[in-house]
Amino acid sequence: MRKPRDFDAELKSLEDKAKTVKARKVRQLGELVIATGADALDIDTLAGGLLDLVDAGSAARREGWKKRGAGFFRGRTDGAAPSAGGDQ
């Protein structure tokens, strides 16, 4: 006969892992805000900018932002991609 599984212990373990992942995500988002200099903005401006980004309907605009973000993570600061507020 097989040993019975302790579902409560497994569930607790998964909940602990989920909490760890969520905490890491929040920490990384905070680090990103600081690294981009967005921590200098007031909270209303930052939230408004993020909401505008989420609501942006233009795929071309989003692609421009994506390229600029990728350049940021690669260490490029040549401004090759258009600014977040510019239309393409």
N, C-alpha and C. Protein backbone atom coordinates (compact mmCIF):
# COMPACT_ATOMS: atom_id res chain seq x y z
N MET A 1 0.83 -1.17 0.00
CA MET A 1 0.00 0.00 0.00
C MET A 1 0.89 1.25 0.00
N ARG A 2 0.46 2.23 -0.77
CA ARG A 2 1.23 3.47 -0.87
C ARG A 2 1.02 4.35 0.35
N LYS A 3 2.03 5.12 0.61
CA LYS A 3 1.96 6.08 1.71
C LYS A 3 0.99 7.20 1.33
N PRO A 4 0.08 7.56 2.20
CA PRO A 4 -0.87 8.63 1.87
C PRO A 4 -0.16 9.98 1.76
N ARG A 5 -0.64 10.81 0.84
CA ARG A 5 -0.05 12.13 0.63
C ARG A 5 -0.61 13.11 1.65
N ASP A 6 0.24 13.99 2.06
CA ASP A 6 -0.17 15.04 2.99
C ASP A 6 -0.51 16.28 2.17
N PHE A 7 -1.78 16.35 1.74
CA PHE A 7 -2.20 17.44 0.88
C PHE A 7 -2.09 18.80 1.56
N ASP A 8 -2.34 18.84 2.85
CA ASP A 8 -2.24 20.10 3.58
C ASP A 8 -0.81 20.64 3.56
N ALA A 9 0.16 19.77 3.75
CA ALA A 9 1.56 20.19 3.74
C ALA A 9 1.97 20.63 2.34
N GLU A 10 1.51 19.92 1.31
CA GLU A 10 1.83 20.30 -0.06
C GLU A 10 1.21 21.64 -0.41
N LEU A 11 -0.03 21.85 0.02
CA LEU A 11 -0.70 23.11 -0.24
C LEU A 11 0.01 24.26 0.47
N LYS A 12 0.41 24.05 1.69
CA LYS A 12 1.14 25.06 2.45
C LYS A 12 2.46 25.41 1.75
N SER A 13 3.14 24.39 1.26
CA SER A 13 4.40 24.61 0.55
C SER A 13 4.18 25.45 -0.71
N LEU A 14 3.13 25.14 -1.47
CA LEU A 14 2.83 25.89 -2.68
C LEU A 14 2.44 27.34 -2.36
N GLU A 15 1.70 27.53 -1.28
CA GLU A 15 1.33 28.89 -0.87
C GLU A 15 2.56 29.69 -0.48
N ASP A 16 3.50 29.06 0.21
CA ASP A 16 4.74 29.73 0.59
C ASP A 16 5.55 30.12 -0.66
N LYS A 17 5.60 29.23 -1.64
CA LYS A 17 6.32 29.53 -2.88
C LYS A 17 5.65 30.68 -3.63
N ALA A 18 4.32 30.69 -3.65
CA ALA A 18 3.59 31.77 -4.32
C ALA A 18 3.86 33.11 -3.64
N LYS A 19 3.90 33.12 -2.31
CA LYS A 19 4.20 34.36 -1.59
C LYS A 19 5.60 34.85 -1.92
N THR A 20 6.55 33.92 -2.01
CA THR A 20 7.92 34.28 -2.34
C THR A 20 8.02 34.88 -3.74
N VAL A 21 7.31 34.28 -4.70
CA VAL A 21 7.34 34.78 -6.07
C VAL A 21 6.70 36.16 -6.14
N LYS A 22 5.57 36.36 -5.46
CA LYS A 22 4.91 37.67 -5.46
C LYS A 22 5.79 38.73 -4.82
N ALA A 23 6.46 38.39 -3.74
CA ALA A 23 7.35 39.35 -3.07
C ALA A 23 8.52 39.71 -3.99
N ARG A 24 9.05 38.73 -4.71
CA ARG A 24 10.16 38.99 -5.64
C ARG A 24 9.69 39.91 -6.78
N LYS A 25 8.47 39.68 -7.27
CA LYS A 25 7.92 40.51 -8.34
C LYS A 25 7.79 41.96 -7.88
N VAL A 26 7.24 42.17 -6.69
CA VAL A 26 7.09 43.52 -6.16
C VAL A 26 8.45 44.19 -5.98
N ARG A 27 9.42 43.46 -5.47
CA ARG A 27 10.75 44.01 -5.27
C ARG A 27 11.38 44.40 -6.62
N GLN A 28 11.24 43.53 -7.62
CA GLN A 28 11.81 43.83 -8.93
C GLN A 28 11.13 45.02 -9.58
N LEU A 29 9.82 45.16 -9.41
CA LEU A 29 9.13 46.33 -9.95
C LEU A 29 9.63 47.61 -9.28
N GLY A 30 9.84 47.55 -7.98
CA GLY A 30 10.40 48.69 -7.26
C GLY A 30 11.79 49.04 -7.76
N GLU A 31 12.61 48.03 -7.98
CA GLU A 31 13.96 48.25 -8.49
C GLU A 31 13.91 48.88 -9.89
N LEU A 32 12.95 48.45 -10.70
CA LEU A 32 12.80 49.00 -12.04
C LEU A 32 12.40 50.47 -11.98
N VAL A 33 11.48 50.80 -11.09
CA VAL A 33 11.05 52.19 -10.94
C VAL A 33 12.25 53.06 -10.55
N ILE A 34 13.05 52.58 -9.64
CA ILE A 34 14.23 53.34 -9.20
C ILE A 34 15.26 53.44 -10.32
N ALA A 35 15.52 52.32 -11.02
CA ALA A 35 16.54 52.30 -12.07
C ALA A 35 16.19 53.24 -13.22
N THR A 36 14.90 53.40 -13.52
CA THR A 36 14.50 54.28 -14.62
C THR A 36 14.41 55.73 -14.21
N GLY A 37 14.50 56.00 -12.91
CA GLY A 37 14.37 57.36 -12.43
C GLY A 37 12.94 57.78 -12.20
N ALA A 38 12.01 56.84 -12.35
CA ALA A 38 10.59 57.16 -12.18
C ALA A 38 10.23 57.41 -10.72
N ASP A 39 11.13 57.09 -9.80
CA ASP A 39 10.86 57.35 -8.39
C ASP A 39 10.85 58.84 -8.09
N ALA A 40 11.36 59.65 -9.02
CA ALA A 40 11.35 61.10 -8.84
C ALA A 40 9.98 61.69 -9.17
N LEU A 41 9.12 60.92 -9.83
CA LEU A 41 7.78 61.39 -10.18
C LEU A 41 6.85 61.24 -8.99
N ASP A 42 5.84 62.10 -8.93
CA ASP A 42 4.85 61.90 -7.88
C ASP A 42 3.98 60.70 -8.26
N ILE A 43 3.33 60.11 -7.30
CA ILE A 43 2.59 58.86 -7.50
C ILE A 43 1.47 59.01 -8.50
N ASP A 44 0.80 60.19 -8.53
CA ASP A 44 -0.29 60.40 -9.47
C ASP A 44 0.22 60.42 -10.92
N THR A 45 1.34 61.06 -11.15
CA THR A 45 1.92 61.11 -12.49
C THR A 45 2.37 59.73 -12.95
N LEU A 46 3.02 59.01 -12.06
CA LEU A 46 3.48 57.66 -12.40
C LEU A 46 2.30 56.75 -12.71
N ALA A 47 1.27 56.79 -11.88
CA ALA A 47 0.09 55.96 -12.12
C ALA A 47 -0.60 56.35 -13.42
N GLY A 48 -0.69 57.64 -13.69
CA GLY A 48 -1.31 58.09 -14.93
C GLY A 48 -0.54 57.62 -16.16
N GLY A 49 0.76 57.69 -16.09
CA GLY A 49 1.58 57.21 -17.20
C GLY A 49 1.42 55.72 -17.43
N LEU A 50 1.39 54.96 -16.36
CA LEU A 50 1.21 53.51 -16.50
C LEU A 50 -0.18 53.17 -17.05
N LEU A 51 -1.19 53.90 -16.59
CA LEU A 51 -2.54 53.66 -17.10
C LEU A 51 -2.63 54.01 -18.58
N ASP A 52 -1.95 55.07 -19.00
CA ASP A 52 -1.91 55.44 -20.41
C ASP A 52 -1.24 54.34 -21.24
N LEU A 53 -0.19 53.79 -20.68
CA LEU A 53 0.51 52.70 -21.36
C LEU A 53 -0.40 51.48 -21.53
N VAL A 54 -1.12 51.14 -20.49
CA VAL A 54 -2.02 49.99 -20.53
C VAL A 54 -3.14 50.22 -21.54
N ASP A 55 -3.63 51.46 -21.62
CA ASP A 55 -4.75 51.77 -22.51
C ASP A 55 -4.33 52.06 -23.95
N ALA A 56 -3.04 52.14 -24.20
CA ALA A 56 -2.56 52.48 -25.55
C ALA A 56 -3.06 51.44 -26.54
N GLY A 57 -3.80 51.89 -27.53
CA GLY A 57 -4.38 50.97 -28.51
C GLY A 57 -3.47 50.70 -29.68
N SER A 58 -2.52 51.57 -29.93
CA SER A 58 -1.67 51.45 -31.10
C SER A 58 -0.58 50.41 -30.89
N ALA A 59 -0.59 49.40 -31.73
CA ALA A 59 0.44 48.36 -31.65
C ALA A 59 1.81 48.94 -31.99
N ALA A 60 1.83 49.92 -32.89
CA ALA A 60 3.11 50.53 -33.27
C ALA A 60 3.71 51.29 -32.09
N ARG A 61 2.86 51.99 -31.33
CA ARG A 61 3.35 52.71 -30.15
C ARG A 61 3.91 51.74 -29.13
N ARG A 62 3.18 50.67 -28.89
CA ARG A 62 3.65 49.67 -27.93
C ARG A 62 4.96 49.05 -28.38
N GLU A 63 5.09 48.79 -29.67
CA GLU A 63 6.33 48.21 -30.18
C GLU A 63 7.49 49.17 -29.98
N GLY A 64 7.25 50.45 -30.17
CA GLY A 64 8.29 51.45 -29.93
C GLY A 64 8.72 51.46 -28.47
N TRP A 65 7.75 51.39 -27.57
CA TRP A 65 8.07 51.34 -26.14
C TRP A 65 8.83 50.07 -25.80
N LYS A 66 8.43 48.97 -26.43
CA LYS A 66 9.10 47.69 -26.17
C LYS A 66 10.57 47.76 -26.60
N LYS A 67 10.82 48.33 -27.77
CA LYS A 67 12.20 48.46 -28.26
C LYS A 67 13.02 49.36 -27.35
N ARG A 68 12.40 50.45 -26.90
CA ARG A 68 13.12 51.36 -26.00
C ARG A 68 13.44 50.67 -24.68
N GLY A 69 12.49 49.90 -24.16
CA GLY A 69 12.72 49.16 -22.92
C GLY A 69 13.81 48.13 -23.07
N ALA A 70 13.79 47.42 -24.19
CA ALA A 70 14.84 46.42 -24.43
C ALA A 70 16.20 47.09 -24.50
N GLY A 71 16.26 48.26 -25.13
CA GLY A 71 17.51 49.01 -25.19
C GLY A 71 17.98 49.43 -23.81
N PHE A 72 17.04 49.80 -22.96
CA PHE A 72 17.38 50.18 -21.58
C PHE A 72 18.05 49.02 -20.86
N PHE A 73 17.49 47.83 -21.01
CA PHE A 73 18.05 46.67 -20.33
C PHE A 73 19.37 46.22 -20.92
N ARG A 74 19.62 46.57 -22.17
CA ARG A 74 20.91 46.25 -22.80
C ARG A 74 21.94 47.33 -22.51
N GLY A 75 21.52 48.40 -21.85
CA GLY A 75 22.46 49.46 -21.50
C GLY A 75 22.61 50.53 -22.55
N ARG A 76 21.80 50.48 -23.60
CA ARG A 76 21.86 51.51 -24.63
C ARG A 76 21.13 52.74 -24.15
N THR A 77 21.74 53.88 -24.35
CA THR A 77 21.07 55.15 -24.02
C THR A 77 21.17 56.10 -25.21
N ASP A 78 21.22 55.54 -26.43
CA ASP A 78 21.39 56.38 -27.60
C ASP A 78 20.10 57.01 -28.08
N GLY A 79 18.98 56.64 -27.45
CA GLY A 79 17.70 57.24 -27.82
C GLY A 79 17.23 56.80 -29.19
N ALA A 80 17.61 55.61 -29.64
CA ALA A 80 17.24 55.15 -30.96
C ALA A 80 15.74 54.95 -31.09
N ALA A 81 15.10 54.54 -30.05
CA ALA A 81 13.66 54.33 -30.10
C ALA A 81 12.94 55.61 -29.73
N PRO A 82 11.71 55.78 -30.23
CA PRO A 82 10.96 57.01 -29.91
C PRO A 82 10.57 57.08 -28.45
N SER A 83 10.28 58.28 -28.00
CA SER A 83 9.89 58.45 -26.60
C SER A 83 8.54 57.83 -26.35
N ALA A 84 8.24 57.59 -25.08
CA ALA A 84 6.98 56.94 -24.71
C ALA A 84 5.78 57.78 -25.09
N GLY A 85 5.90 59.07 -25.11
CA GLY A 85 4.77 59.93 -25.40
C GLY A 85 4.57 60.20 -26.88
N GLY A 86 5.53 59.84 -27.73
CA GLY A 86 5.45 60.18 -29.15
C GLY A 86 4.64 59.18 -29.95
N ASP A 87 3.90 59.68 -30.93
CA ASP A 87 3.19 58.80 -31.85
C ASP A 87 4.11 58.48 -33.01
N GLN A 88 3.92 57.30 -33.54
CA GLN A 88 4.73 56.90 -34.69
C GLN A 88 3.92 56.96 -35.95
